[in-house]
Protein backbone atom coordinates (compact mmCIF):
# COMPACT_ATOMS: atom_id res chain seq x y z
CA UNK A 1 -40.69 8.35 29.43
CA UNK A 2 -37.14 8.55 27.93
CA UNK A 3 -36.93 9.67 24.32
CA UNK A 4 -35.52 7.27 21.74
CA UNK A 5 -34.60 10.10 19.37
CA UNK A 6 -30.81 10.12 20.12
CA UNK A 7 -30.58 6.41 19.33
CA UNK A 8 -32.46 6.94 16.07
CA UNK A 9 -30.17 9.79 15.09
CA UNK A 10 -27.13 7.59 15.80
CA UNK A 11 -28.61 4.81 13.70
CA UNK A 12 -29.38 7.16 10.81
CA UNK A 13 -25.88 8.61 11.00
CA UNK A 14 -24.36 5.14 10.89
CA UNK A 15 -26.47 4.24 7.86
CA UNK A 16 -25.43 7.42 6.06
CA UNK A 17 -21.79 6.69 6.83
CA UNK A 18 -22.16 3.13 5.56
CA UNK A 19 -23.77 4.36 2.33
CA UNK A 20 -21.02 6.94 1.87
CA UNK A 21 -18.35 4.28 2.41
CA UNK A 22 -20.04 1.99 -0.12
CA UNK A 23 -20.16 4.84 -2.63
CA UNK A 24 -16.47 5.65 -2.13
CA UNK A 25 -15.52 2.01 -2.60
CA UNK A 26 -17.66 1.78 -5.75
CA UNK A 27 -16.11 4.90 -7.23
CA UNK A 28 -12.58 3.73 -6.47
CA UNK A 29 -13.28 0.27 -7.87
CA UNK A 30 -14.53 1.82 -11.11
CA UNK A 31 -11.58 4.21 -11.25
CA UNK A 32 -9.07 1.42 -10.69
CA UNK A 33 -10.64 -0.70 -13.41
CA UNK A 34 -10.65 2.16 -15.93
CA UNK A 35 -7.13 3.36 -15.11
CA UNK A 36 -5.62 -0.10 -15.40
CA UNK A 37 -7.56 -0.96 -18.55
CA UNK A 38 -7.18 2.31 -20.45
CA UNK A 39 -4.32 4.19 -18.81
CA UNK A 40 -4.25 7.33 -16.70
CA UNK A 41 -4.26 9.91 -19.49
CA UNK A 42 -7.21 8.63 -21.53
CA UNK A 43 -9.40 8.02 -18.46
CA UNK A 44 -11.53 11.01 -17.47
CA UNK A 45 -13.34 11.90 -14.28
CA UNK A 46 -16.56 11.95 -16.31
CA UNK A 47 -16.00 8.34 -17.36
CA UNK A 48 -15.33 7.28 -13.78
CA UNK A 49 -18.46 9.10 -12.60
CA UNK A 50 -20.61 7.50 -15.30
CA UNK A 51 -19.25 4.04 -14.50
CA UNK A 52 -19.88 4.51 -10.77
CA UNK A 53 -23.28 6.13 -11.21
CA UNK A 54 -22.38 9.37 -9.45
CA UNK A 55 -21.89 12.98 -10.47
CA UNK A 56 -18.55 14.43 -11.51
CA UNK A 57 -18.90 16.89 -8.62
CA UNK A 58 -19.08 14.00 -6.14
CA UNK A 59 -15.63 12.81 -7.22
CA UNK A 60 -14.12 16.29 -7.19
CA UNK A 61 -15.53 16.96 -3.71
CA UNK A 62 -14.07 13.72 -2.40
CA UNK A 63 -10.59 13.78 -4.00
CA UNK A 64 -10.08 17.10 -5.76
CA UNK A 65 -8.57 15.86 -9.02
CA UNK A 66 -7.86 12.81 -11.13
CA UNK A 67 -4.46 12.52 -9.47
CA UNK A 68 -6.24 12.71 -6.12
CA UNK A 69 -8.25 9.64 -7.09
CA UNK A 70 -5.01 7.78 -7.82
CA UNK A 71 -3.64 8.80 -4.42
CA UNK A 72 -6.81 7.45 -2.81
CA UNK A 73 -6.33 4.17 -4.68
CA UNK A 74 -2.75 4.04 -3.45
CA UNK A 75 -3.85 4.55 0.16
CA UNK A 76 -6.56 1.96 -0.27
CA UNK A 77 -4.11 -0.63 -1.60
CA UNK A 78 -1.78 -0.03 1.34
CA UNK A 79 -4.34 0.31 4.12
CA UNK A 80 -7.50 -1.46 2.94
CA UNK A 81 -9.49 1.81 2.90
CA UNK A 82 -8.53 5.20 1.54
CA UNK A 83 -9.54 6.84 4.83
CA UNK A 84 -7.80 4.26 7.04
CA UNK A 85 -4.83 5.16 9.26
CA UNK A 86 -1.31 4.88 7.79
CA UNK A 87 -0.07 1.34 7.12
CA UNK A 88 2.41 1.60 9.98
CA UNK A 89 -0.55 1.87 12.37
CA UNK A 90 -2.23 -1.26 11.04
CA UNK A 91 -2.42 -4.59 12.85
CA UNK A 92 -0.20 -6.43 10.35
CA UNK A 93 2.71 -4.00 10.74
CA UNK A 94 2.22 -3.89 14.50
CA UNK A 95 2.52 -7.68 14.53
CA UNK A 96 5.79 -7.52 12.58
CA UNK A 97 7.19 -4.88 14.95
CA UNK A 98 6.06 -6.72 18.08
CA UNK A 99 7.50 -10.09 17.02
CA UNK A 100 10.67 -10.64 19.09
CA UNK A 101 12.21 -13.30 16.83
CA UNK A 102 13.90 -11.71 13.78
CA UNK A 103 13.44 -14.74 11.54
CA UNK A 104 9.77 -14.86 12.36
CA UNK A 105 9.66 -11.11 11.61
CA UNK A 106 10.95 -11.78 8.10
CA UNK A 107 8.26 -14.45 7.61
CA UNK A 108 5.52 -12.10 8.75
CA UNK A 109 6.86 -9.29 6.59
CA UNK A 110 7.07 -11.50 3.51
CA UNK A 111 3.49 -12.60 4.10
CA UNK A 112 2.38 -8.96 4.44
CA UNK A 113 4.02 -8.02 1.14
CA UNK A 114 2.33 -10.97 -0.55
CA UNK A 115 -1.01 -9.58 0.61
CA UNK A 116 -0.34 -5.93 -0.26
CA UNK A 117 1.52 -6.10 -3.57
CA UNK A 118 -1.23 -7.61 -5.78
CA UNK A 119 -3.24 -4.40 -5.32
CA UNK A 120 -0.29 -2.03 -4.97
CA UNK A 121 2.06 -3.04 -7.79
CA UNK A 122 -0.29 -2.21 -10.70
CA UNK A 123 -0.82 1.27 -9.26
CA UNK A 124 2.89 1.89 -8.88
CA UNK A 125 3.35 0.86 -12.50
CA UNK A 126 0.57 3.31 -13.46
CA UNK A 127 2.35 6.07 -11.54
CA UNK A 128 5.70 5.32 -13.20
CA UNK A 129 4.17 5.29 -16.67
CA UNK A 130 2.17 8.50 -16.18
CA UNK A 131 4.33 10.64 -13.87
CA UNK A 132 6.19 12.26 -16.75
CA UNK A 133 3.01 13.85 -18.07
CA UNK A 134 1.50 14.89 -14.73
CA UNK A 135 3.55 16.77 -12.09
CA UNK A 136 0.97 15.91 -9.42
CA UNK A 137 1.42 12.21 -10.11
CA UNK A 138 5.20 12.63 -10.19
CA UNK A 139 5.02 14.15 -6.72
CA UNK A 140 2.87 11.27 -5.51
CA UNK A 141 5.38 8.73 -6.80
CA UNK A 142 8.31 10.52 -5.18
CA UNK A 143 6.42 10.77 -1.88
CA UNK A 144 5.71 7.04 -2.02
CA UNK A 145 9.42 6.35 -2.50
CA UNK A 146 10.32 8.60 0.43
CA UNK A 147 7.68 6.97 2.63
CA UNK A 148 9.03 3.51 1.76
CA UNK A 149 12.59 4.57 2.51
CA UNK A 150 11.55 6.12 5.82
CA UNK A 151 9.65 2.99 6.76
CA UNK A 152 12.60 0.75 5.92
CA UNK A 153 14.92 3.05 7.89
CA UNK A 154 12.70 2.47 10.92
CA UNK A 155 12.62 -1.29 10.30
CA UNK A 156 16.40 -1.46 9.95
CA UNK A 157 16.78 0.66 13.08
CA UNK A 158 14.54 -1.73 14.99
CA UNK A 159 16.64 -4.71 13.90
CA UNK A 160 19.81 -2.85 14.86
CA UNK A 161 18.45 -1.89 18.29
CA UNK A 162 17.67 -5.55 18.95
CA UNK A 163 21.14 -6.58 17.74
CA UNK A 164 19.51 -8.75 15.12
CA UNK A 165 21.61 -7.64 12.14
CA UNK A 166 24.58 -9.71 11.03
CA UNK A 167 28.03 -8.47 12.01
CA UNK A 168 29.38 -5.72 9.81
CA UNK A 169 26.03 -4.81 8.27
CA UNK A 170 25.23 -1.15 8.85
CA UNK A 171 21.76 0.15 9.50
CA UNK A 172 21.86 2.12 6.24
CA UNK A 173 22.83 -0.99 4.25
CA UNK A 174 20.03 -2.95 5.92
CA UNK A 175 17.60 -0.14 5.07
CA UNK A 176 18.61 -0.24 1.42
CA UNK A 177 18.24 -4.02 1.23
CA UNK A 178 14.77 -3.83 2.76
CA UNK A 179 13.83 -0.92 0.46
CA UNK A 180 14.91 -2.84 -2.62
CA UNK A 181 13.28 -6.11 -1.66
CA UNK A 182 9.91 -4.56 -0.79
CA UNK A 183 9.69 -2.67 -4.09
CA UNK A 184 6.77 -3.36 -6.38
CA UNK A 185 9.27 -3.87 -9.21
CA UNK A 186 10.55 -7.08 -7.58
CA UNK A 187 6.98 -8.32 -7.22
CA UNK A 188 6.25 -7.53 -10.88
CA UNK A 189 9.33 -9.40 -12.05
CA UNK A 190 8.54 -12.58 -10.16
CA UNK A 191 4.73 -12.63 -10.15
CA UNK A 192 3.93 -10.58 -13.25
CA UNK A 193 6.64 -11.82 -15.57
CA UNK A 194 7.67 -15.20 -14.17
CA UNK A 195 4.19 -16.25 -12.98
CA UNK A 196 5.12 -16.95 -9.38
CA UNK A 197 2.22 -17.01 -6.95
CA UNK A 198 2.08 -14.14 -4.43
CA UNK A 199 2.60 -16.72 -1.69
CA UNK A 200 5.77 -18.05 -3.33
CA UNK A 201 6.99 -14.47 -3.75
CA UNK A 202 6.33 -13.71 -0.07
CA UNK A 203 8.20 -16.83 1.06
CA UNK A 204 11.13 -15.94 -1.20
CA UNK A 205 11.24 -12.39 0.16
CA UNK A 206 11.33 -13.73 3.72
CA UNK A 207 14.16 -16.12 2.89
CA UNK A 208 16.20 -13.51 1.04
CA UNK A 209 15.84 -10.98 3.86
CA UNK A 210 16.81 -13.58 6.43
CA UNK A 211 19.87 -14.49 4.36
CA UNK A 212 20.92 -10.90 3.70
CA UNK A 213 20.23 -9.33 7.07
CA UNK A 214 20.45 -11.86 9.89
CA UNK A 215 23.38 -13.73 11.45
CA UNK A 216 23.96 -17.09 9.86
CA UNK A 217 22.74 -15.93 6.45
CA UNK A 218 24.95 -15.88 3.39
CA UNK A 219 26.55 -12.65 2.21
CA UNK A 220 24.09 -10.14 0.69
């Protein structure tokens, strides 16, 4: 009679993985709440551990340092899970890349930013405010800027290869427009300070990119 032991081991492994994922999400949720409420400096790993109901060692094993927790939060805000593949490998970005119509691409990209920025922008602000006192955070912020620039270089290159850019607009200029418009600072100005909805922000981004980058748009 065949043994059912392998199936049971698989089930137990899946349950352990699910519990570990739940614990990671709980820790990160507690860390995010404490960081945004109290600031990076005053928040300690011990406070995060106590809030999440885990040991300090659990957090250090998972992320190495307080700055490592912030990096995990940054990945989570971009990808949905701190262990998920890079954003560029996600379905939403793949849909933007695969879309053959450039105007529709701008719509999809604006919608993506409207979904990502509510979680991302507060963390970028935390990084900006705290980077001066923590070299590890400063490095994280600079890496994020480089990653954004690299991503927008690829996006601009895609538009150029499809001959979607307006006449006279270089790939580098298109990259810089995309890099500026997808910044968390623009989101904070419109949504945080002027009380736009994320959806209105996303629609505005799509319209501005269409106008600045694509034939028929007004001058950038």
